[in-house]
Amino acid sequence: MSDKTANEGIRLQKVLSQAGVASRRAAEDLIDQGRVSVDGKVVREQGKRVDPLTAAIHVDGMRVNVREDRVYLALNKPRGVHTTMEDDQGRPCVGDYLRNRAERLFHVGRLDADTEGLLLLTNDGELAHRLMHPSYGVKKTYLAEVPAPVGRDVGKTLRGGVVLEDGPAKVDSFKLVDNFGNRALVEVVIHEGRKHIVRRLLDEVGHPVHSLVRTRIADVALGNQRPGAIRALNRNEVGSLYSAVGL
């Protein structure tokens, strides 16, 4: 009997194996142990068939990407590159880094031209929508170089909230990372997505940004990825993004 029929789908253990979760034998053990769920229901029966295009499969509570057509990438966007797929003025843009890819990808949110750092690229519309929607509160971490000294009251003020021209805003967390001469490096964590929000917040408390890098989105970190480099997210990173938005 083949692993797939026209109407029944693919055996769950094969789907897990193809997704890189475990070998087929180890996947069978995961199923026996009740660690696998499909569409919200724990599966303990061997040989259950699923449709990878529609099934929501979790292992130990973490969503597993089982669709071979889904792509999840991290780009370290360099400073001066515009977050667009095409630029009618011929300026450097994100699309320049994707010219040789067959998939039609789009960026998840934006970074302004003067901001560098982590930008996610995918063809998973549902995940991208949730990551960008403010109701899911996905946290983003930035490192900003600002004028020193940075007073102890700055973090308290930003956590409490300030009023900008388009309404009140606040950070989730703020800390001083380092001082060097007349400059300081601060870390800002925020789940807002309004335009230039980090720059505007820091400017409001008297610390205009000299340079800004996004270093993390949820549990996906930029790490030591060089500017302009693209890498594929690993299985745990994709699963963590699913978890962050309730998928």
C-alpha atoms as a PDB file:
ATOM      1  CA  MET A   1       0.000   0.000   0.000  1.00  0.00           C
ATOM      2  CA  SER A   2       1.357   3.458  -0.862  1.00  0.00           C
ATOM      3  CA  ASP A   3       1.839   6.179   1.765  1.00  0.00           C
ATOM      4  CA  LYS A   4      -0.637   8.372  -0.062  1.00  0.00           C
ATOM      5  CA  THR A   5      -3.978   7.918  -1.746  1.00  0.00           C
ATOM      6  CA  ALA A   6      -6.039  10.480  -3.571  1.00  0.00           C
ATOM      7  CA  ASN A   7      -8.411  11.042  -0.653  1.00  0.00           C
ATOM      8  CA  GLU A   8      -6.689   9.869   2.509  1.00  0.00           C
ATOM      9  CA  GLY A   9      -3.555  12.011   2.672  1.00  0.00           C
ATOM     10  CA  ILE A  10      -0.130  11.000   4.008  1.00  0.00           C
ATOM     11  CA  ARG A  11       0.738   8.919   7.052  1.00  0.00           C
ATOM     12  CA  LEU A  12       1.442  11.179  10.023  1.00  0.00           C
ATOM     13  CA  GLN A  13       4.785   9.558  10.858  1.00  0.00           C
ATOM     14  CA  LYS A  14       5.986  10.142   7.292  1.00  0.00           C
ATOM     15  CA  VAL A  15       4.890  13.786   7.430  1.00  0.00           C
ATOM     16  CA  LEU A  16       6.833  14.274  10.660  1.00  0.00           C
ATOM     17  CA  SER A  17       9.881  12.554   9.191  1.00  0.00           C
ATOM     18  CA  GLN A  18       9.814  14.685   6.029  1.00  0.00           C
ATOM     19  CA  ALA A  19       9.510  17.814   8.188  1.00  0.00           C
ATOM     20  CA  GLY A  20      12.732  16.866   9.954  1.00  0.00           C
ATOM     21  CA  VAL A  21      11.130  16.254  13.330  1.00  0.00           C
ATOM     22  CA  ALA A  22      12.350  12.671  13.712  1.00  0.00           C
ATOM     23  CA  SER A  23      12.881   9.432  11.851  1.00  0.00           C
ATOM     24  CA  ARG A  24       9.718   7.465  11.066  1.00  0.00           C
ATOM     25  CA  ARG A  25      10.428   5.060  13.928  1.00  0.00           C
ATOM     26  CA  ALA A  26      11.052   7.927  16.356  1.00  0.00           C
ATOM     27  CA  ALA A  27       7.923   9.684  15.072  1.00  0.00           C
ATOM     28  CA  GLU A  28       5.918   6.563  15.890  1.00  0.00           C
ATOM     29  CA  ASP A  29       7.311   6.737  19.431  1.00  0.00           C
ATOM     30  CA  LEU A  30       6.239  10.384  19.697  1.00  0.00           C
ATOM     31  CA  ILE A  31       2.731   9.394  18.637  1.00  0.00           C
ATOM     32  CA  ASP A  32       2.638   6.497  21.132  1.00  0.00           C
ATOM     33  CA  GLN A  33       3.676   8.901  23.888  1.00  0.00           C
ATOM     34  CA  GLY A  34       0.818  11.296  23.102  1.00  0.00           C
ATOM     35  CA  ARG A  35       3.176  14.109  22.157  1.00  0.00           C
ATOM     36  CA  VAL A  36       1.653  14.772  18.726  1.00  0.00           C
ATOM     37  CA  SER A  37      -1.614  16.569  18.019  1.00  0.00           C
ATOM     38  CA  VAL A  38      -3.420  17.235  14.759  1.00  0.00           C
ATOM     39  CA  ASP A  39      -5.899  20.104  14.544  1.00  0.00           C
ATOM     40  CA  GLY A  40      -5.964  20.378  18.310  1.00  0.00           C
ATOM     41  CA  LYS A  41      -6.517  16.677  19.078  1.00  0.00           C
ATOM     42  CA  VAL A  42      -3.862  14.345  20.490  1.00  0.00           C
ATOM     43  CA  VAL A  43      -3.128  11.431  18.160  1.00  0.00           C
ATOM     44  CA  ARG A  44      -2.117   8.037  19.541  1.00  0.00           C
ATOM     45  CA  GLU A  45      -3.066   5.799  16.619  1.00  0.00           C
ATOM     46  CA  GLN A  46      -0.364   4.727  14.211  1.00  0.00           C
ATOM     47  CA  GLY A  47      -1.032   5.173  10.513  1.00  0.00           C
ATOM     48  CA  LYS A  48      -3.296   8.199  10.800  1.00  0.00           C
ATOM     49  CA  ARG A  49      -3.320  10.088   7.521  1.00  0.00           C
ATOM     50  CA  VAL A  50      -3.237  13.861   7.255  1.00  0.00           C
ATOM     51  CA  ASP A  51      -3.217  16.509   4.565  1.00  0.00           C
ATOM     52  CA  PRO A  52      -0.023  18.583   5.026  1.00  0.00           C
ATOM     53  CA  LEU A  53      -1.633  21.477   3.167  1.00  0.00           C
ATOM     54  CA  THR A  54      -4.361  21.952   5.770  1.00  0.00           C
ATOM     55  CA  ALA A  55      -3.432  20.084   8.974  1.00  0.00           C
ATOM     56  CA  ALA A  56      -2.159  21.974  12.027  1.00  0.00           C
ATOM     57  CA  ILE A  57       0.363  19.567  13.559  1.00  0.00           C
ATOM     58  CA  HIS A  58       1.999  20.168  16.944  1.00  0.00           C
ATOM     59  CA  VAL A  59       4.746  18.218  18.707  1.00  0.00           C
ATOM     60  CA  ASP A  60       5.127  18.891  22.435  1.00  0.00           C
ATOM     61  CA  GLY A  61       2.834  21.869  21.965  1.00  0.00           C
ATOM     62  CA  MET A  62       4.913  23.495  19.217  1.00  0.00           C
ATOM     63  CA  ARG A  63       3.564  23.883  15.696  1.00  0.00           C
ATOM     64  CA  VAL A  64       5.523  22.014  13.032  1.00  0.00           C
ATOM     65  CA  ASN A  65       5.812  23.350   9.499  1.00  0.00           C
ATOM     66  CA  VAL A  66       4.983  20.377   7.286  1.00  0.00           C
ATOM     67  CA  ARG A  67       4.359  22.246   4.037  1.00  0.00           C
ATOM     68  CA  GLU A  68       7.245  21.918   1.613  1.00  0.00           C
ATOM     69  CA  ASP A  69       6.106  25.024  -0.285  1.00  0.00           C
ATOM     70  CA  ARG A  70       6.430  27.305   2.741  1.00  0.00           C
ATOM     71  CA  VAL A  71       9.577  29.415   3.054  1.00  0.00           C
ATOM     72  CA  TYR A  72      10.786  31.250   6.162  1.00  0.00           C
ATOM     73  CA  LEU A  73      13.895  33.437   5.891  1.00  0.00           C
ATOM     74  CA  ALA A  74      15.775  35.961   8.004  1.00  0.00           C
ATOM     75  CA  LEU A  75      17.548  38.863   6.294  1.00  0.00           C
ATOM     76  CA  ASN A  76      19.965  41.193   8.045  1.00  0.00           C
ATOM     77  CA  LYS A  77      18.807  44.293   6.212  1.00  0.00           C
ATOM     78  CA  PRO A  78      21.690  46.710   5.723  1.00  0.00           C
ATOM     79  CA  ARG A  79      21.364  50.410   6.417  1.00  0.00           C
ATOM     80  CA  GLY A  80      20.299  52.340   3.312  1.00  0.00           C
ATOM     81  CA  VAL A  81      18.194  49.486   1.907  1.00  0.00           C
ATOM     82  CA  HIS A  82      14.484  50.209   1.484  1.00  0.00           C
ATOM     83  CA  THR A  83      11.903  47.680   2.661  1.00  0.00           C
ATOM     84  CA  THR A  84      10.186  47.179  -0.678  1.00  0.00           C
ATOM     85  CA  MET A  85      10.351  44.491  -3.333  1.00  0.00           C
ATOM     86  CA  GLU A  86      10.765  47.073  -6.103  1.00  0.00           C
ATOM     87  CA  ASP A  87      11.846  50.702  -6.003  1.00  0.00           C
ATOM     88  CA  ASP A  88      10.730  52.993  -8.801  1.00  0.00           C
ATOM     89  CA  GLN A  89      13.630  55.353  -8.050  1.00  0.00           C
ATOM     90  CA  GLY A  90      16.234  52.634  -8.437  1.00  0.00           C
ATOM     91  CA  ARG A  91      17.315  52.729  -4.801  1.00  0.00           C
ATOM     92  CA  PRO A  92      18.597  49.554  -3.076  1.00  0.00           C
ATOM     93  CA  CYS A  93      15.672  47.496  -1.791  1.00  0.00           C
ATOM     94  CA  VAL A  94      14.919  44.163  -0.135  1.00  0.00           C
ATOM     95  CA  GLY A  95      13.801  42.709  -3.460  1.00  0.00           C
ATOM     96  CA  ASP A  96      17.387  42.997  -4.707  1.00  0.00           C
ATOM     97  CA  TYR A  97      18.353  40.177  -2.338  1.00  0.00           C
ATOM     98  CA  LEU A  98      15.646  37.848  -3.655  1.00  0.00           C
ATOM     99  CA  ARG A  99      16.109  38.094  -7.430  1.00  0.00           C
ATOM    100  CA  ASN A 100      17.324  34.509  -7.812  1.00  0.00           C
ATOM    101  CA  ARG A 101      14.594  32.873  -5.715  1.00  0.00           C
ATOM    102  CA  ALA A 102      11.747  31.066  -7.438  1.00  0.00           C
ATOM    103  CA  GLU A 103       9.219  31.676  -4.640  1.00  0.00           C
ATOM    104  CA  ARG A 104       7.168  34.844  -4.391  1.00  0.00           C
ATOM    105  CA  LEU A 105       8.139  36.142  -0.972  1.00  0.00           C
ATOM    106  CA  PHE A 106       7.151  39.216   0.984  1.00  0.00           C
ATOM    107  CA  HIS A 107       8.590  41.012   3.991  1.00  0.00           C
ATOM    108  CA  VAL A 108       6.929  40.785   7.401  1.00  0.00           C
ATOM    109  CA  GLY A 109       6.566  44.388   8.499  1.00  0.00           C
ATOM    110  CA  ARG A 110       9.081  47.083   7.661  1.00  0.00           C
ATOM    111  CA  LEU A 111      12.347  48.659   8.707  1.00  0.00           C
ATOM    112  CA  ASP A 112      12.999  52.212   7.568  1.00  0.00           C
ATOM    113  CA  ALA A 113      15.966  52.801   5.288  1.00  0.00           C
ATOM    114  CA  ASP A 114      18.191  54.093   8.103  1.00  0.00           C
ATOM    115  CA  THR A 115      17.454  51.105  10.365  1.00  0.00           C
ATOM    116  CA  GLU A 116      19.278  47.827   9.899  1.00  0.00           C
ATOM    117  CA  GLY A 117      18.781  44.369  11.300  1.00  0.00           C
ATOM    118  CA  LEU A 118      16.373  41.461  11.370  1.00  0.00           C
ATOM    119  CA  LEU A 119      13.660  41.319   8.724  1.00  0.00           C
ATOM    120  CA  LEU A 120      11.579  38.181   8.181  1.00  0.00           C
ATOM    121  CA  LEU A 121      10.646  37.038   4.660  1.00  0.00           C
ATOM    122  CA  THR A 122       8.032  34.397   3.917  1.00  0.00           C
ATOM    123  CA  ASN A 123       5.193  33.217   1.703  1.00  0.00           C
ATOM    124  CA  ASP A 124       3.080  32.181   4.715  1.00  0.00           C
ATOM    125  CA  GLY A 125       0.368  34.830   4.633  1.00  0.00           C
ATOM    126  CA  GLU A 126      -1.458  33.818   7.805  1.00  0.00           C
ATOM    127  CA  LEU A 127       1.680  33.817   9.935  1.00  0.00           C
ATOM    128  CA  ALA A 128       2.870  37.128   8.450  1.00  0.00           C
ATOM    129  CA  HIS A 129      -0.498  38.765   9.100  1.00  0.00           C
ATOM    130  CA  ARG A 130      -0.502  37.716  12.737  1.00  0.00           C
ATOM    131  CA  LEU A 131       3.098  38.715  13.329  1.00  0.00           C
ATOM    132  CA  MET A 132       2.302  42.224  12.081  1.00  0.00           C
ATOM    133  CA  HIS A 133      -1.070  42.635  13.811  1.00  0.00           C
ATOM    134  CA  PRO A 134      -0.767  44.602  17.076  1.00  0.00           C
ATOM    135  CA  SER A 135      -3.384  42.447  18.835  1.00  0.00           C
ATOM    136  CA  TYR A 136      -0.907  39.542  19.036  1.00  0.00           C
ATOM    137  CA  GLY A 137       1.667  41.659  20.859  1.00  0.00           C
ATOM    138  CA  VAL A 138       4.735  40.164  19.176  1.00  0.00           C
ATOM    139  CA  LYS A 139       7.803  41.682  20.822  1.00  0.00           C
ATOM    140  CA  LYS A 140      10.661  43.156  18.813  1.00  0.00           C
ATOM    141  CA  THR A 141      14.058  44.022  20.274  1.00  0.00           C
ATOM    142  CA  TYR A 142      16.245  46.916  19.131  1.00  0.00           C
ATOM    143  CA  LEU A 143      19.709  48.215  19.982  1.00  0.00           C
ATOM    144  CA  ALA A 144      19.973  51.978  19.645  1.00  0.00           C
ATOM    145  CA  GLU A 145      23.004  54.226  19.850  1.00  0.00           C
ATOM    146  CA  VAL A 146      21.993  57.480  21.543  1.00  0.00           C
ATOM    147  CA  PRO A 147      23.674  60.468  23.223  1.00  0.00           C
ATOM    148  CA  ALA A 148      25.051  59.817  26.711  1.00  0.00           C
ATOM    149  CA  PRO A 149      24.539  59.991  29.605  1.00  0.00           C
ATOM    150  CA  VAL A 150      21.253  58.106  29.898  1.00  0.00           C
ATOM    151  CA  GLY A 151      19.563  58.913  33.197  1.00  0.00           C
ATOM    152  CA  ARG A 152      17.921  56.281  35.364  1.00  0.00           C
ATOM    153  CA  ASP A 153      14.549  57.951  34.870  1.00  0.00           C
ATOM    154  CA  VAL A 154      14.571  57.368  31.078  1.00  0.00           C
ATOM    155  CA  GLY A 155      13.571  53.714  31.307  1.00  0.00           C
ATOM    156  CA  LYS A 156      10.877  54.453  33.873  1.00  0.00           C
ATOM    157  CA  THR A 157       9.439  57.184  31.658  1.00  0.00           C
ATOM    158  CA  LEU A 158       9.392  54.991  28.555  1.00  0.00           C
ATOM    159  CA  ARG A 159       7.852  52.039  30.393  1.00  0.00           C
ATOM    160  CA  GLY A 160       5.191  54.318  31.848  1.00  0.00           C
ATOM    161  CA  GLY A 161       4.399  55.799  28.457  1.00  0.00           C
ATOM    162  CA  VAL A 162       4.756  59.116  26.661  1.00  0.00           C
ATOM    163  CA  VAL A 163       2.362  60.999  24.395  1.00  0.00           C
ATOM    164  CA  LEU A 164       3.405  61.247  20.751  1.00  0.00           C
ATOM    165  CA  GLU A 165       1.661  63.210  18.007  1.00  0.00           C
ATOM    166  CA  ASP A 166      -0.384  60.133  17.060  1.00  0.00           C
ATOM    167  CA  GLY A 167      -1.221  59.049  20.599  1.00  0.00           C
ATOM    168  CA  PRO A 168       0.359  57.500  23.693  1.00  0.00           C
ATOM    169  CA  ALA A 169       3.086  54.864  23.384  1.00  0.00           C
ATOM    170  CA  LYS A 170       5.357  52.909  25.692  1.00  0.00           C
ATOM    171  CA  VAL A 171       8.042  50.249  25.617  1.00  0.00           C
ATOM    172  CA  ASP A 172       7.831  46.738  27.056  1.00  0.00           C
ATOM    173  CA  SER A 173      11.324  47.028  28.493  1.00  0.00           C
ATOM    174  CA  PHE A 174      14.355  49.300  28.391  1.00  0.00           C
ATOM    175  CA  LYS A 175      17.922  48.906  29.603  1.00  0.00           C
ATOM    176  CA  LEU A 176      21.270  50.579  29.300  1.00  0.00           C
ATOM    177  CA  VAL A 177      23.724  48.168  27.646  1.00  0.00           C
ATOM    178  CA  ASP A 178      26.930  50.179  27.447  1.00  0.00           C
ATOM    179  CA  ASN A 179      28.508  53.635  27.590  1.00  0.00           C
ATOM    180  CA  PHE A 180      31.342  54.767  25.315  1.00  0.00           C
ATOM    181  CA  GLY A 181      32.378  58.422  25.494  1.00  0.00           C
ATOM    182  CA  ASN A 182      29.481  60.676  24.609  1.00  0.00           C
ATOM    183  CA  ARG A 183      27.428  57.775  23.238  1.00  0.00           C
ATOM    184  CA  ALA A 184      25.394  55.057  24.912  1.00  0.00           C
ATOM    185  CA  LEU A 185      23.944  51.766  23.689  1.00  0.00           C
ATOM    186  CA  VAL A 186      20.414  50.988  24.892  1.00  0.00           C
ATOM    187  CA  GLU A 187      18.105  48.037  24.335  1.00  0.00           C
ATOM    188  CA  VAL A 188      14.427  48.665  23.656  1.00  0.00           C
ATOM    189  CA  VAL A 189      11.764  45.945  23.514  1.00  0.00           C
ATOM    190  CA  ILE A 190       8.416  46.959  22.059  1.00  0.00           C
ATOM    191  CA  HIS A 191       5.409  45.299  20.436  1.00  0.00           C
ATOM    192  CA  GLU A 192       4.106  48.385  18.653  1.00  0.00           C
ATOM    193  CA  GLY A 193       4.478  48.739  14.916  1.00  0.00           C
ATOM    194  CA  ARG A 194       3.828  52.402  14.272  1.00  0.00           C
ATOM    195  CA  LYS A 195       6.177  54.139  11.844  1.00  0.00           C
ATOM    196  CA  HIS A 196       9.526  55.152  13.387  1.00  0.00           C
ATOM    197  CA  ILE A 197       8.114  54.323  16.820  1.00  0.00           C
ATOM    198  CA  VAL A 198      11.468  53.537  18.503  1.00  0.00           C
ATOM    199  CA  ARG A 199      13.140  56.623  17.106  1.00  0.00           C
ATOM    200  CA  ARG A 200      10.222  58.834  18.085  1.00  0.00           C
ATOM    201  CA  LEU A 201      10.051  57.448  21.620  1.00  0.00           C
ATOM    202  CA  LEU A 202      13.755  57.968  22.261  1.00  0.00           C
ATOM    203  CA  ASP A 203      13.665  61.420  20.707  1.00  0.00           C
ATOM    204  CA  GLU A 204      10.760  62.328  23.005  1.00  0.00           C
ATOM    205  CA  VAL A 205      12.865  61.595  26.100  1.00  0.00           C
ATOM    206  CA  GLY A 206      15.839  63.583  24.830  1.00  0.00           C
ATOM    207  CA  HIS A 207      17.929  60.810  23.270  1.00  0.00           C
ATOM    208  CA  PRO A 208      17.728  61.069  19.457  1.00  0.00           C
ATOM    209  CA  VAL A 209      18.890  57.894  17.749  1.00  0.00           C
ATOM    210  CA  HIS A 210      22.254  57.868  15.979  1.00  0.00           C
ATOM    211  CA  SER A 211      21.934  54.270  14.750  1.00  0.00           C
ATOM    212  CA  LEU A 212      19.312  51.566  15.199  1.00  0.00           C
ATOM    213  CA  VAL A 213      19.420  47.788  14.743  1.00  0.00           C
ATOM    214  CA  ARG A 214      16.580  45.308  15.203  1.00  0.00           C
ATOM    215  CA  THR A 215      18.117  42.248  16.845  1.00  0.00           C
ATOM    216  CA  ARG A 216      15.158  39.999  17.619  1.00  0.00           C
ATOM    217  CA  ILE A 217      11.537  39.254  16.675  1.00  0.00           C
ATOM    218  CA  ALA A 218       9.848  37.087  19.310  1.00  0.00           C
ATOM    219  CA  ASP A 219      12.379  34.241  19.821  1.00  0.00           C
ATOM    220  CA  VAL A 220      14.132  34.641  16.465  1.00  0.00           C
ATOM    221  CA  ALA A 221      17.479  36.390  16.945  1.00  0.00           C
ATOM    222  CA  LEU A 222      19.749  38.112  14.436  1.00  0.00           C
ATOM    223  CA  GLY A 223      22.865  36.696  16.110  1.00  0.00           C
ATOM    224  CA  ASN A 224      26.117  37.202  14.180  1.00  0.00           C
ATOM    225  CA  GLN A 225      24.476  37.200  10.759  1.00  0.00           C
ATOM    226  CA  ARG A 226      26.351  39.666   8.550  1.00  0.00           C
ATOM    227  CA  PRO A 227      24.573  42.602   6.837  1.00  0.00           C
ATOM    228  CA  GLY A 228      22.948  41.504   3.573  1.00  0.00           C
ATOM    229  CA  ALA A 229      23.025  37.809   4.488  1.00  0.00           C
ATOM    230  CA  ILE A 230      19.903  35.638   4.286  1.00  0.00           C
ATOM    231  CA  ARG A 231      19.388  32.389   6.154  1.00  0.00           C
ATOM    232  CA  ALA A 232      16.544  29.912   6.468  1.00  0.00           C
ATOM    233  CA  LEU A 233      14.859  29.748   9.861  1.00  0.00           C
ATOM    234  CA  ASN A 234      15.238  26.406  11.587  1.00  0.00           C
ATOM    235  CA  ARG A 235      12.320  24.254  12.713  1.00  0.00           C
ATOM    236  CA  ASN A 236      12.376  25.554  16.287  1.00  0.00           C
ATOM    237  CA  GLU A 237      12.428  29.170  15.156  1.00  0.00           C
ATOM    238  CA  VAL A 238       9.440  28.675  12.857  1.00  0.00           C
ATOM    239  CA  GLY A 239       7.627  26.842  15.647  1.00  0.00           C
ATOM    240  CA  SER A 240       8.338  29.675  18.072  1.00  0.00           C
ATOM    241  CA  LEU A 241       6.810  32.193  15.653  1.00  0.00           C
ATOM    242  CA  TYR A 242       3.694  30.036  15.330  1.00  0.00           C
ATOM    243  CA  SER A 243       3.488  29.874  19.134  1.00  0.00           C
ATOM    244  CA  ALA A 244       3.939  33.634  19.490  1.00  0.00           C
ATOM    245  CA  VAL A 245       0.761  34.258  17.472  1.00  0.00           C
ATOM    246  CA  GLY A 246      -1.306  31.314  18.704  1.00  0.00           C
ATOM    247  CA  LEU A 247      -1.020  29.020  15.678  1.00  0.00           C
END
